[in-house]
N, C-alpha and C. Protein backbone atom coordinates (compact mmCIF):
# COMPACT_ATOMS: atom_id res chain seq x y z
N MET A 1 -60.07 22.12 26.63
CA MET A 1 -60.72 22.00 27.93
C MET A 1 -59.74 21.40 28.93
N THR A 2 -59.60 22.03 30.08
CA THR A 2 -58.69 21.51 31.09
C THR A 2 -59.46 20.72 32.14
N HIS A 3 -58.75 19.85 32.80
CA HIS A 3 -59.33 19.01 33.84
C HIS A 3 -58.50 19.17 35.10
N PRO A 4 -59.12 18.99 36.26
CA PRO A 4 -58.32 19.07 37.49
C PRO A 4 -57.30 17.94 37.54
N VAL A 5 -56.19 18.18 38.22
CA VAL A 5 -55.14 17.18 38.34
C VAL A 5 -55.65 16.02 39.19
N LEU A 6 -55.49 14.83 38.68
CA LEU A 6 -55.81 13.64 39.46
C LEU A 6 -54.65 13.38 40.41
N THR A 7 -54.96 13.08 41.65
CA THR A 7 -53.89 12.82 42.61
C THR A 7 -53.80 11.35 42.99
N ASN A 8 -54.87 10.60 42.71
CA ASN A 8 -54.87 9.17 43.02
C ASN A 8 -55.28 8.37 41.79
N CYS A 9 -54.69 7.20 41.66
CA CYS A 9 -54.96 6.31 40.53
C CYS A 9 -56.42 5.86 40.57
N PRO A 10 -57.13 5.99 39.46
CA PRO A 10 -58.53 5.54 39.44
C PRO A 10 -58.68 4.02 39.50
N VAL A 11 -57.59 3.29 39.30
CA VAL A 11 -57.65 1.83 39.33
C VAL A 11 -57.34 1.28 40.72
N CYS A 12 -56.20 1.71 41.29
CA CYS A 12 -55.77 1.12 42.57
C CYS A 12 -55.78 2.11 43.74
N SER A 13 -56.09 3.39 43.48
CA SER A 13 -56.18 4.45 44.50
C SER A 13 -54.84 4.90 45.07
N GLU A 14 -53.73 4.41 44.55
CA GLU A 14 -52.42 4.87 45.02
C GLU A 14 -52.15 6.28 44.48
N THR A 15 -51.21 6.99 45.11
CA THR A 15 -50.87 8.35 44.71
C THR A 15 -50.20 8.35 43.34
N LEU A 16 -50.69 9.23 42.47
CA LEU A 16 -50.10 9.37 41.14
C LEU A 16 -48.91 10.31 41.18
N THR A 17 -48.00 10.16 40.22
CA THR A 17 -46.86 11.03 40.07
C THR A 17 -47.02 11.81 38.77
N ILE A 18 -46.80 13.10 38.82
CA ILE A 18 -46.84 13.91 37.60
C ILE A 18 -45.48 13.76 36.93
N THR A 19 -45.50 13.40 35.64
CA THR A 19 -44.24 13.17 34.95
C THR A 19 -44.05 14.03 33.71
N LYS A 20 -45.06 14.81 33.34
CA LYS A 20 -44.93 15.62 32.13
C LYS A 20 -45.65 16.95 32.30
N LEU A 21 -44.96 18.03 31.92
CA LEU A 21 -45.54 19.38 31.90
C LEU A 21 -45.41 19.91 30.48
N HIS A 22 -46.45 20.61 30.02
CA HIS A 22 -46.44 21.09 28.64
C HIS A 22 -46.95 22.52 28.57
N CYS A 23 -46.28 23.38 27.80
CA CYS A 23 -46.70 24.76 27.57
C CYS A 23 -47.52 24.81 26.28
N ASN A 24 -48.76 25.22 26.37
CA ASN A 24 -49.61 25.32 25.19
C ASN A 24 -49.22 26.48 24.28
N HIS A 25 -48.48 27.44 24.82
CA HIS A 25 -48.08 28.60 24.04
C HIS A 25 -46.88 28.29 23.12
N CYS A 26 -45.78 27.84 23.71
CA CYS A 26 -44.58 27.59 22.90
C CYS A 26 -44.32 26.10 22.65
N HIS A 27 -45.17 25.26 23.21
CA HIS A 27 -45.12 23.80 23.02
C HIS A 27 -43.90 23.14 23.66
N THR A 28 -43.29 23.81 24.63
CA THR A 28 -42.20 23.19 25.38
C THR A 28 -42.80 22.08 26.24
N THR A 29 -42.12 20.95 26.31
CA THR A 29 -42.55 19.85 27.16
C THR A 29 -41.39 19.49 28.08
N ILE A 30 -41.70 19.34 29.34
CA ILE A 30 -40.70 18.96 30.34
C ILE A 30 -41.14 17.65 30.96
N GLU A 31 -40.24 16.68 30.92
CA GLU A 31 -40.55 15.39 31.53
C GLU A 31 -39.60 15.14 32.68
N ASN A 32 -40.16 14.77 33.81
CA ASN A 32 -39.42 14.47 35.02
C ASN A 32 -40.43 13.93 36.02
N GLU A 33 -40.03 13.76 37.25
CA GLU A 33 -40.97 13.36 38.30
C GLU A 33 -41.20 14.57 39.19
N PHE A 34 -42.45 15.04 39.24
CA PHE A 34 -42.78 16.25 39.98
C PHE A 34 -43.64 15.90 41.20
N GLU A 35 -43.37 16.60 42.30
CA GLU A 35 -44.13 16.39 43.53
C GLU A 35 -45.42 17.19 43.52
N LEU A 36 -46.47 16.60 44.09
CA LEU A 36 -47.70 17.33 44.33
C LEU A 36 -47.58 18.00 45.70
N THR A 37 -48.21 19.14 45.85
CA THR A 37 -48.23 19.78 47.17
C THR A 37 -49.23 19.07 48.06
N LYS A 38 -49.12 19.26 49.35
CA LYS A 38 -50.08 18.67 50.28
C LYS A 38 -51.49 19.17 49.97
N LEU A 39 -51.61 20.44 49.60
CA LEU A 39 -52.93 21.00 49.31
C LEU A 39 -53.58 20.34 48.10
N SER A 40 -52.78 19.84 47.18
CA SER A 40 -53.35 19.20 45.99
C SER A 40 -54.04 17.89 46.31
N THR A 41 -53.83 17.37 47.51
CA THR A 41 -54.49 16.12 47.90
C THR A 41 -55.88 16.35 48.48
N LEU A 42 -56.25 17.62 48.69
CA LEU A 42 -57.57 17.92 49.26
C LEU A 42 -58.66 17.78 48.19
N SER A 43 -59.84 17.40 48.63
CA SER A 43 -60.98 17.30 47.72
C SER A 43 -61.48 18.70 47.37
N LYS A 44 -62.36 18.79 46.36
CA LYS A 44 -62.94 20.09 45.98
C LYS A 44 -63.68 20.70 47.17
N GLU A 45 -64.42 19.87 47.89
CA GLU A 45 -65.18 20.35 49.05
C GLU A 45 -64.22 20.90 50.12
N GLN A 46 -63.13 20.20 50.38
CA GLN A 46 -62.16 20.65 51.37
C GLN A 46 -61.49 21.94 50.93
N LEU A 47 -61.16 22.07 49.65
CA LEU A 47 -60.56 23.30 49.14
C LEU A 47 -61.54 24.47 49.25
N HIS A 48 -62.81 24.21 48.98
CA HIS A 48 -63.83 25.26 49.13
C HIS A 48 -63.91 25.70 50.59
N PHE A 49 -63.87 24.73 51.50
CA PHE A 49 -63.90 25.06 52.93
C PHE A 49 -62.70 25.92 53.30
N ILE A 50 -61.50 25.54 52.84
CA ILE A 50 -60.28 26.30 53.15
C ILE A 50 -60.39 27.72 52.59
N GLU A 51 -60.89 27.87 51.36
CA GLU A 51 -61.07 29.20 50.79
C GLU A 51 -62.01 30.03 51.64
N THR A 52 -63.13 29.44 52.05
CA THR A 52 -64.09 30.14 52.89
C THR A 52 -63.45 30.53 54.21
N PHE A 53 -62.72 29.60 54.81
CA PHE A 53 -62.04 29.85 56.09
C PHE A 53 -61.08 31.03 55.95
N LEU A 54 -60.32 31.07 54.86
CA LEU A 54 -59.36 32.16 54.66
C LEU A 54 -60.07 33.49 54.40
N VAL A 55 -61.11 33.48 53.57
CA VAL A 55 -61.85 34.71 53.29
C VAL A 55 -62.46 35.26 54.58
N CYS A 56 -62.88 34.36 55.47
CA CYS A 56 -63.44 34.76 56.77
C CYS A 56 -62.34 35.04 57.79
N ARG A 57 -61.08 35.02 57.34
CA ARG A 57 -59.91 35.30 58.18
C ARG A 57 -59.84 34.42 59.43
N GLY A 58 -60.31 33.17 59.28
CA GLY A 58 -60.23 32.22 60.38
C GLY A 58 -61.29 32.42 61.45
N ASN A 59 -62.23 33.33 61.22
CA ASN A 59 -63.30 33.57 62.19
C ASN A 59 -64.34 32.47 62.05
N ILE A 60 -64.36 31.57 63.03
CA ILE A 60 -65.22 30.40 62.94
C ILE A 60 -66.70 30.78 62.89
N LYS A 61 -67.09 31.82 63.61
CA LYS A 61 -68.49 32.27 63.56
C LYS A 61 -68.87 32.69 62.14
N GLU A 62 -67.97 33.36 61.45
CA GLU A 62 -68.23 33.78 60.07
C GLU A 62 -68.29 32.57 59.13
N VAL A 63 -67.42 31.59 59.37
CA VAL A 63 -67.43 30.37 58.55
C VAL A 63 -68.76 29.64 58.76
N GLU A 64 -69.23 29.58 60.01
CA GLU A 64 -70.52 28.96 60.31
C GLU A 64 -71.62 29.62 59.48
N LYS A 65 -71.65 30.96 59.50
CA LYS A 65 -72.68 31.71 58.77
C LYS A 65 -72.57 31.49 57.27
N GLU A 66 -71.36 31.59 56.76
CA GLU A 66 -71.13 31.48 55.32
C GLU A 66 -71.53 30.11 54.78
N LEU A 67 -71.21 29.05 55.53
CA LEU A 67 -71.49 27.70 55.06
C LEU A 67 -72.81 27.14 55.59
N GLY A 68 -73.40 27.85 56.56
CA GLY A 68 -74.66 27.37 57.14
C GLY A 68 -74.50 26.09 57.93
N VAL A 69 -73.38 26.00 58.67
CA VAL A 69 -73.11 24.80 59.47
C VAL A 69 -72.83 25.21 60.91
N SER A 70 -72.80 24.23 61.80
CA SER A 70 -72.58 24.48 63.22
C SER A 70 -71.09 24.55 63.56
N TYR A 71 -70.82 25.05 64.75
CA TYR A 71 -69.43 25.12 65.25
C TYR A 71 -68.76 23.74 65.22
N PRO A 72 -69.41 22.68 65.76
CA PRO A 72 -68.75 21.37 65.72
C PRO A 72 -68.46 20.89 64.29
N THR A 73 -69.31 21.25 63.33
CA THR A 73 -69.07 20.86 61.94
C THR A 73 -67.83 21.56 61.40
N VAL A 74 -67.70 22.87 61.70
CA VAL A 74 -66.51 23.61 61.26
C VAL A 74 -65.26 22.99 61.87
N ARG A 75 -65.29 22.72 63.16
CA ARG A 75 -64.13 22.11 63.82
C ARG A 75 -63.81 20.75 63.23
N GLY A 76 -64.86 19.96 62.96
CA GLY A 76 -64.67 18.63 62.38
C GLY A 76 -64.02 18.71 61.01
N LYS A 77 -64.49 19.66 60.18
CA LYS A 77 -63.91 19.83 58.85
C LYS A 77 -62.45 20.26 58.95
N LEU A 78 -62.16 21.17 59.88
CA LEU A 78 -60.77 21.59 60.09
C LEU A 78 -59.90 20.41 60.50
N ASN A 79 -60.38 19.61 61.44
CA ASN A 79 -59.61 18.45 61.90
C ASN A 79 -59.41 17.44 60.78
N ASP A 80 -60.44 17.23 59.94
CA ASP A 80 -60.30 16.32 58.80
C ASP A 80 -59.20 16.80 57.85
N ILE A 81 -59.22 18.09 57.55
CA ILE A 81 -58.24 18.66 56.63
C ILE A 81 -56.83 18.59 57.23
N ILE A 82 -56.72 18.88 58.51
CA ILE A 82 -55.43 18.77 59.19
C ILE A 82 -54.91 17.34 59.07
N GLY A 83 -55.80 16.37 59.21
CA GLY A 83 -55.40 14.96 59.07
C GLY A 83 -54.96 14.62 57.66
N VAL A 84 -55.71 15.09 56.65
CA VAL A 84 -55.35 14.83 55.25
C VAL A 84 -53.98 15.43 54.94
N LEU A 85 -53.70 16.60 55.51
CA LEU A 85 -52.41 17.25 55.29
C LEU A 85 -51.30 16.62 56.12
N ASP A 86 -51.66 15.59 56.87
CA ASP A 86 -50.71 14.80 57.66
C ASP A 86 -50.12 15.57 58.85
N TYR A 87 -50.95 16.42 59.44
CA TYR A 87 -50.58 17.10 60.68
C TYR A 87 -51.45 16.53 61.79
N LYS A 88 -50.99 16.66 62.99
CA LYS A 88 -51.77 16.21 64.14
C LYS A 88 -52.48 17.42 64.75
N PRO A 89 -53.81 17.34 64.94
CA PRO A 89 -54.48 18.47 65.58
C PRO A 89 -53.96 18.66 67.00
N LYS A 90 -53.76 19.91 67.38
CA LYS A 90 -53.28 20.21 68.73
C LYS A 90 -54.45 20.21 69.69
N GLN A 91 -54.28 19.53 70.79
CA GLN A 91 -55.33 19.45 71.82
C GLN A 91 -54.87 20.26 73.02
N HIS A 92 -55.22 21.54 73.04
CA HIS A 92 -54.77 22.40 74.12
C HIS A 92 -55.79 22.54 75.24
N HIS A 93 -57.04 22.32 74.94
CA HIS A 93 -58.08 22.66 75.90
C HIS A 93 -58.78 21.43 76.45
N SER A 94 -59.07 21.46 77.76
CA SER A 94 -59.87 20.42 78.37
C SER A 94 -61.32 20.63 77.94
N GLY A 95 -62.18 19.70 78.27
CA GLY A 95 -63.59 19.82 77.92
C GLY A 95 -64.22 21.08 78.50
N ASP A 96 -63.90 21.40 79.77
CA ASP A 96 -64.45 22.60 80.40
C ASP A 96 -63.95 23.86 79.71
N GLU A 97 -62.67 23.90 79.40
CA GLU A 97 -62.11 25.06 78.70
C GLU A 97 -62.77 25.23 77.34
N ARG A 98 -62.96 24.13 76.63
CA ARG A 98 -63.59 24.17 75.30
C ARG A 98 -65.01 24.73 75.41
N LYS A 99 -65.76 24.33 76.45
CA LYS A 99 -67.14 24.82 76.63
C LYS A 99 -67.14 26.33 76.87
N ILE A 100 -66.17 26.81 77.65
CA ILE A 100 -66.08 28.25 77.91
C ILE A 100 -65.78 28.99 76.61
N ILE A 101 -64.85 28.48 75.84
CA ILE A 101 -64.49 29.11 74.56
C ILE A 101 -65.68 29.09 73.60
N GLU A 102 -66.41 27.97 73.55
CA GLU A 102 -67.59 27.88 72.69
C GLU A 102 -68.64 28.91 73.11
N ARG A 103 -68.84 29.07 74.43
CA ARG A 103 -69.82 30.05 74.92
C ARG A 103 -69.41 31.46 74.51
N MET A 104 -68.12 31.74 74.57
CA MET A 104 -67.63 33.06 74.16
C MET A 104 -67.84 33.25 72.65
N GLU A 105 -67.52 32.22 71.86
CA GLU A 105 -67.68 32.33 70.41
C GLU A 105 -69.14 32.50 70.01
N LYS A 106 -70.05 31.96 70.80
CA LYS A 106 -71.48 32.10 70.52
C LYS A 106 -72.03 33.44 71.02
N GLY A 107 -71.19 34.18 71.76
CA GLY A 107 -71.62 35.48 72.28
C GLY A 107 -72.38 35.39 73.60
N GLU A 108 -72.38 34.21 74.22
CA GLU A 108 -73.08 34.03 75.50
C GLU A 108 -72.34 34.73 76.64
N ILE A 109 -71.02 34.79 76.51
CA ILE A 109 -70.21 35.51 77.49
C ILE A 109 -69.19 36.34 76.72
N ASN A 110 -68.69 37.41 77.36
CA ASN A 110 -67.71 38.24 76.66
C ASN A 110 -66.30 37.73 76.96
N PRO A 111 -65.30 38.19 76.20
CA PRO A 111 -63.94 37.69 76.39
C PRO A 111 -63.41 37.86 77.81
N ASP A 112 -63.73 38.98 78.48
CA ASP A 112 -63.25 39.17 79.86
C ASP A 112 -63.81 38.11 80.80
N GLU A 113 -65.11 37.80 80.64
CA GLU A 113 -65.72 36.75 81.47
C GLU A 113 -65.07 35.40 81.18
N ALA A 114 -64.80 35.14 79.91
CA ALA A 114 -64.17 33.88 79.53
C ALA A 114 -62.78 33.76 80.15
N ILE A 115 -62.01 34.84 80.14
CA ILE A 115 -60.67 34.82 80.73
C ILE A 115 -60.74 34.53 82.21
N LYS A 116 -61.67 35.19 82.92
CA LYS A 116 -61.83 34.95 84.36
C LYS A 116 -62.18 33.48 84.62
N MET A 117 -63.10 32.95 83.81
CA MET A 117 -63.51 31.55 84.02
C MET A 117 -62.36 30.59 83.72
N LEU A 118 -61.55 30.89 82.71
CA LEU A 118 -60.44 30.02 82.36
C LEU A 118 -59.33 30.06 83.41
N LYS A 119 -59.18 31.18 84.11
CA LYS A 119 -58.14 31.31 85.14
C LYS A 119 -58.47 30.53 86.40
N LYS A 120 -59.75 30.21 86.60
CA LYS A 120 -60.16 29.48 87.82
C LYS A 120 -59.67 28.07 87.81
């Protein structure tokens, strides 16, 4: 039976280091210090969200439907994951611009109307 890789110490919560790899087929064992990827630090819930996001090809409306959550929840989850991966979320839009984009994503206005409103 296999178990998911632990990334943090259950005692002190510090990051664990992988030091041994083993092949169950030929019984080769390799010992060294191996790095975990940034993605390995995500929780199961965050990995599920990322999988859903990718399957939906980044379409936030589809992610909303698939997970049964609101637009702000999807954005919040994305921002949380960006933070865990140690990236800074990019803030390109003012509050008014964000509202226009949200209206377009909800289908309240079409892309041409959104472009006109954003140009003002």
